[in-house]
């Protein structure tokens, strides 16, 4: 299963990017994890900026991909439930899975409407640059859970 994290903004070298790359490097076949960063260069603000970012995010998804919106208003899943969901999608033959991370102002409602699942890392607000690494770790953890690897301990 090809997994893509599509995110608004460009992460500079530093601990957030290093965290993502650390877990990206641990993911093995049959999964793969890539990061696609999008950025609106025009000086837009408010709803216009969010709508433009939404269009960029959605355009980065491969045709037929299953979309998951990362949003603080979404459903909160424990790691085993997250792994089960990814496993179900994999077993259904879903080839591409795309996690969508908005910019500093969050996701436009159009993204949440098109997503199969809106997922949250809890009620707290997380920096969108940090969410990439957290999500990469959870994808790695899901792979370990599905494969029976002892990385995830209960």
Protein backbone atom coordinates (compact mmCIF):
# COMPACT_ATOMS: atom_id res chain seq x y z
CA UNK A 1 0.00 0.00 0.00
CA UNK A 2 1.36 3.36 -1.00
CA UNK A 3 0.84 5.93 1.73
CA UNK A 4 1.25 9.61 1.05
CA UNK A 5 1.23 12.43 3.55
CA UNK A 6 0.20 15.58 1.70
CA UNK A 7 0.93 18.62 3.83
CA UNK A 8 0.77 22.37 3.50
CA UNK A 9 4.10 24.13 3.95
CA UNK A 10 7.71 23.18 3.51
CA UNK A 11 9.53 21.70 6.48
CA UNK A 12 13.04 23.02 6.92
CA UNK A 13 15.88 20.88 8.15
CA UNK A 14 15.48 20.34 11.85
CA UNK A 15 13.90 18.06 14.44
CA UNK A 16 10.43 17.93 12.84
CA UNK A 17 11.78 16.82 9.46
CA UNK A 18 14.24 14.45 11.13
CA UNK A 19 11.39 12.79 13.07
CA UNK A 20 9.44 12.22 9.87
CA UNK A 21 12.48 10.87 8.02
CA UNK A 22 13.37 8.57 10.92
CA UNK A 23 10.03 6.75 10.78
CA UNK A 24 9.77 6.95 7.00
CA UNK A 25 13.05 5.02 6.84
CA UNK A 26 11.69 2.27 9.08
CA UNK A 27 8.63 1.51 6.97
CA UNK A 28 9.01 -1.55 4.75
CA UNK A 29 7.11 -3.34 2.00
CA UNK A 30 4.23 -3.92 1.51
CA UNK A 31 3.91 -0.32 2.70
CA UNK A 32 5.70 2.76 1.46
CA UNK A 33 5.49 6.28 2.84
CA UNK A 34 6.11 9.50 0.96
CA UNK A 35 5.68 13.17 1.80
CA UNK A 36 4.31 15.71 -0.68
CA UNK A 37 4.55 19.31 0.49
CA UNK A 38 2.38 21.95 -1.15
CA UNK A 39 2.54 25.68 -0.72
CA UNK A 40 0.42 28.62 -1.81
CA UNK A 41 2.80 31.33 -2.95
CA UNK A 42 0.22 34.08 -3.46
CA UNK A 43 -0.43 36.42 -0.50
CA UNK A 44 -3.91 35.09 0.29
CA UNK A 45 -5.61 35.16 3.68
CA UNK A 46 -8.48 33.54 5.55
CA UNK A 47 -11.01 31.45 3.66
CA UNK A 48 -9.39 32.18 0.30
CA UNK A 49 -6.05 30.80 1.53
CA UNK A 50 -7.65 27.68 3.01
CA UNK A 51 -9.59 27.03 -0.22
CA UNK A 52 -6.42 27.36 -2.29
CA UNK A 53 -4.49 25.07 0.06
CA UNK A 54 -7.35 22.55 -0.15
CA UNK A 55 -7.14 22.53 -3.95
CA UNK A 56 -3.36 21.96 -3.79
CA UNK A 57 -3.73 19.14 -1.27
CA UNK A 58 -6.48 17.38 -3.21
CA UNK A 59 -4.56 17.73 -6.48
CA UNK A 60 -1.56 15.96 -4.90
CA UNK A 61 -3.57 12.78 -4.28
CA UNK A 62 -3.37 10.01 -6.88
CA UNK A 63 -6.62 9.28 -8.71
CA UNK A 64 -8.72 6.81 -6.72
CA UNK A 65 -6.78 7.32 -3.49
CA UNK A 66 -8.54 6.98 -0.17
CA UNK A 67 -8.37 10.33 1.62
CA UNK A 68 -7.96 10.86 5.36
CA UNK A 69 -8.21 14.42 6.66
CA UNK A 70 -6.13 15.22 9.73
CA UNK A 71 -8.24 17.62 11.78
CA UNK A 72 -8.66 18.28 15.49
CA UNK A 73 -12.44 17.80 15.07
CA UNK A 74 -11.94 14.30 13.71
CA UNK A 75 -12.23 10.86 15.23
CA UNK A 76 -9.56 9.83 17.71
CA UNK A 77 -8.35 6.24 17.27
CA UNK A 78 -6.00 4.28 19.48
CA UNK A 79 -2.98 2.76 17.75
CA UNK A 80 -4.52 -0.75 17.45
CA UNK A 81 -7.72 0.71 15.94
CA UNK A 82 -5.66 2.84 13.55
CA UNK A 83 -3.72 -0.26 12.49
CA UNK A 84 -6.94 -2.24 12.05
CA UNK A 85 -8.37 0.49 9.83
CA UNK A 86 -5.28 0.57 7.63
CA UNK A 87 -5.32 -3.24 7.52
CA UNK A 88 -8.97 -3.25 6.43
CA UNK A 89 -8.28 -0.77 3.65
CA UNK A 90 -5.25 -2.81 2.56
CA UNK A 91 -7.29 -6.03 2.57
CA UNK A 92 -10.03 -4.33 0.52
CA UNK A 93 -7.39 -3.72 -2.14
CA UNK A 94 -6.94 -0.01 -1.54
CA UNK A 95 -3.72 0.84 -3.31
CA UNK A 96 -3.23 4.48 -2.33
CA UNK A 97 -3.91 6.09 1.04
CA UNK A 98 -3.43 9.84 1.45
CA UNK A 99 -3.35 11.72 4.74
CA UNK A 100 -4.06 15.43 4.30
CA UNK A 101 -2.55 17.96 6.71
CA UNK A 102 -3.63 21.58 6.45
CA UNK A 103 -1.66 24.71 7.12
CA UNK A 104 -1.55 26.88 10.20
CA UNK A 105 -5.23 27.80 9.79
CA UNK A 106 -6.37 24.18 9.37
CA UNK A 107 -8.23 22.41 6.59
CA UNK A 108 -10.93 23.82 4.39
CA UNK A 109 -14.30 22.08 4.81
CA UNK A 110 -14.10 20.78 1.23
CA UNK A 111 -11.22 18.51 2.24
CA UNK A 112 -13.15 17.03 5.17
CA UNK A 113 -16.16 16.43 2.89
CA UNK A 114 -14.10 14.44 0.39
CA UNK A 115 -12.25 12.42 3.02
CA UNK A 116 -13.38 8.90 3.90
CA UNK A 117 -12.22 9.54 7.47
CA UNK A 118 -11.42 12.65 9.45
CA UNK A 119 -8.81 11.73 12.04
CA UNK A 120 -7.56 13.58 15.10
CA UNK A 121 -4.58 13.15 17.38
CA UNK A 122 -6.83 14.32 20.22
CA UNK A 123 -8.47 17.56 21.19
CA UNK A 124 -5.20 19.39 21.50
CA UNK A 125 -3.91 21.47 18.61
CA UNK A 126 -0.59 20.21 17.22
CA UNK A 127 1.84 22.18 15.04
CA UNK A 128 1.22 21.07 11.47
CA UNK A 129 4.95 20.51 10.94
CA UNK A 130 5.06 18.12 13.92
CA UNK A 131 1.97 16.18 12.80
CA UNK A 132 3.97 14.76 9.86
CA UNK A 133 6.37 12.99 12.21
CA UNK A 134 3.64 11.85 14.57
CA UNK A 135 1.68 10.43 11.67
CA UNK A 136 4.76 8.70 10.23
CA UNK A 137 5.36 7.06 13.62
CA UNK A 138 1.75 5.85 13.76
CA UNK A 139 2.00 4.41 10.24
CA UNK A 140 5.17 2.59 11.28
CA UNK A 141 3.46 1.41 14.48
CA UNK A 142 0.47 0.21 12.43
CA UNK A 143 2.79 -1.78 10.19
CA UNK A 144 4.37 -3.36 13.27
CA UNK A 145 0.97 -4.18 14.81
CA UNK A 146 -0.28 -5.73 11.57
CA UNK A 147 2.92 -7.74 11.22
CA UNK A 148 3.02 -8.94 14.83
CA UNK A 149 6.27 -7.05 15.52
CA UNK A 150 6.91 -6.30 19.23
CA UNK A 151 7.44 -2.54 18.67
CA UNK A 152 3.90 -1.88 19.93
CA UNK A 153 3.49 -3.11 23.47
CA UNK A 154 0.16 -3.15 25.28
